[in-house]
Protein backbone atom coordinates (compact mmCIF):
# COMPACT_ATOMS: atom_id res chain seq x y z
CA MET A 1 -21.70 4.49 256.05
CA LYS A 2 -17.95 4.88 255.00
CA MET A 3 -15.83 8.08 255.41
CA VAL A 4 -14.12 8.84 252.78
CA GLN A 5 -11.13 11.41 253.13
CA ALA A 6 -8.61 12.38 250.49
CA ILE A 7 -5.68 14.96 250.69
CA ILE A 8 -4.98 16.57 247.10
CA ARG A 9 -3.89 19.08 245.49
CA HIS A 10 -5.38 22.75 245.51
CA GLU A 11 -5.50 23.00 241.51
CA LYS A 12 -7.71 20.03 241.49
CA LEU A 13 -10.01 20.52 243.45
CA GLY A 14 -12.84 21.95 241.29
CA GLU A 15 -12.48 18.97 239.10
CA VAL A 16 -13.19 16.40 242.26
CA LYS A 17 -15.92 18.65 243.16
CA SER A 18 -17.60 18.53 240.33
CA ALA A 19 -16.93 14.39 240.14
CA LEU A 20 -18.39 13.74 243.42
CA SER A 21 -21.53 16.04 242.26
CA ASP A 22 -21.94 13.61 239.22
CA ILE A 23 -22.03 10.70 240.83
CA GLY A 24 -24.65 12.38 243.61
CA VAL A 25 -21.93 13.17 246.40
CA ILE A 26 -23.39 16.79 247.51
CA GLY A 27 -22.27 16.76 251.23
CA LEU A 28 -18.50 17.28 251.88
CA ASN A 29 -16.21 19.64 253.99
CA VAL A 30 -12.56 20.94 252.56
CA THR A 31 -9.86 21.73 254.74
CA GLU A 32 -7.11 23.76 253.76
CA ILE A 33 -3.59 21.92 255.41
CA GLN A 34 -0.07 20.97 254.82
CA GLY A 35 1.90 18.22 254.97
CA ARG A 36 4.26 15.43 252.98
CA GLY A 37 4.41 12.45 251.85
CA VAL A 38 7.25 10.78 249.23
CA GLN A 39 8.04 14.15 247.68
CA LYS A 40 9.38 14.83 251.35
CA GLY A 41 8.74 18.83 250.34
CA ALA A 42 10.45 20.69 247.47
CA THR A 43 13.11 23.39 247.07
CA ARG A 44 11.96 26.78 246.18
CA GLN A 45 13.90 30.01 245.43
CA TRP A 46 13.24 33.39 246.56
CA ARG A 47 14.99 36.69 245.50
CA GLY A 48 17.82 34.83 244.63
CA ALA A 49 17.93 32.79 247.98
CA VAL A 50 17.58 28.74 247.81
CA TYR A 51 15.34 27.10 250.40
CA ASP A 52 13.93 23.79 251.73
CA VAL A 53 9.86 23.49 252.04
CA ASP A 54 9.62 20.34 253.94
CA LEU A 55 5.49 21.07 254.33
CA LEU A 56 3.25 21.62 251.32
CA PRO A 57 0.17 23.17 250.86
CA LYS A 58 -3.14 20.48 250.37
CA ILE A 59 -6.60 20.04 250.58
CA LYS A 60 -8.26 18.03 252.60
CA LEU A 61 -11.53 16.84 251.27
CA GLU A 62 -14.20 14.69 253.38
CA THR A 63 -17.44 13.07 252.94
CA VAL A 64 -19.71 9.89 254.54
CA VAL A 65 -21.16 7.98 251.55
CA ASP A 66 -23.82 4.87 251.94
CA ASP A 67 -22.02 2.19 251.26
CA PRO A 68 -22.81 1.44 248.30
CA LEU A 69 -21.60 4.42 246.90
CA VAL A 70 -18.05 4.21 248.21
CA GLU A 71 -16.21 2.52 245.13
CA LYS A 72 -17.75 5.03 242.71
CA ALA A 73 -16.98 7.81 245.26
CA VAL A 74 -12.94 6.73 245.39
CA ASP A 75 -12.86 6.19 241.31
CA ALA A 76 -14.38 9.51 241.25
CA ILE A 77 -11.54 11.48 243.57
CA GLN A 78 -8.64 9.10 241.94
CA LYS A 79 -9.57 10.38 238.24
CA ALA A 80 -10.31 13.88 238.90
CA ALA A 81 -7.25 14.08 241.17
CA PHE A 82 -5.20 12.42 239.14
CA THR A 83 -2.05 14.03 237.42
CA GLY A 84 0.77 11.54 237.20
CA ASN A 85 2.77 13.23 239.58
CA ILE A 86 4.82 13.03 243.19
CA GLY A 87 1.90 14.64 244.93
CA ASP A 88 -1.32 13.68 244.08
CA GLY A 89 -2.59 12.76 247.26
CA LYS A 90 -4.00 9.76 248.90
CA ILE A 91 -7.41 8.40 249.72
CA PHE A 92 -8.76 6.62 252.82
CA VAL A 93 -12.24 4.94 253.80
CA TRP A 94 -13.14 3.89 256.69
CA THR A 95 -16.18 3.09 258.64
CA VAL A 96 -18.65 5.65 260.35
CA ASP A 97 -20.81 3.85 263.05
CA GLN A 98 -23.18 6.21 263.52
CA VAL A 99 -24.44 9.78 261.51
CA ILE A 100 -26.53 11.77 263.34
CA ARG A 101 -28.37 15.44 261.93
CA VAL A 102 -28.69 17.81 264.61
CA ARG A 103 -31.68 19.81 263.49
CA THR A 104 -33.80 17.28 262.79
CA ASN A 105 -32.02 14.32 264.98
CA GLU A 106 -32.36 11.98 261.67
CA ARG A 107 -29.63 8.64 262.01
CA GLY A 108 -27.80 6.51 259.57
CA LYS A 109 -27.74 7.24 255.84
CA GLU A 110 -30.94 9.55 255.89
CA ALA A 111 -28.94 11.92 257.62
CA ILE A 112 -25.86 11.88 255.42
């Protein structure tokens, strides 16, 4: 099993959720976060004043998938989140040793 975590633009959340659902990934967690990467923030103007925003709003999406589904999930996220501009985000994948469903005590891929 693998944890797939993606940092994406807010406006791409719907497309990414649909793409994951289309390949059978239903369970996911979504968190609103702030961060910066290559773009190092942005310059904004408000009421005539120019100021720098060094942390931009993003969405962090996390899901755990069985190994055979990992590449499909990564591809679905990458295609759905893509705009071609700086700030499209990142995808991280790492190994999950164990998953336990609290309600039923199911373990492993049955608990996903």
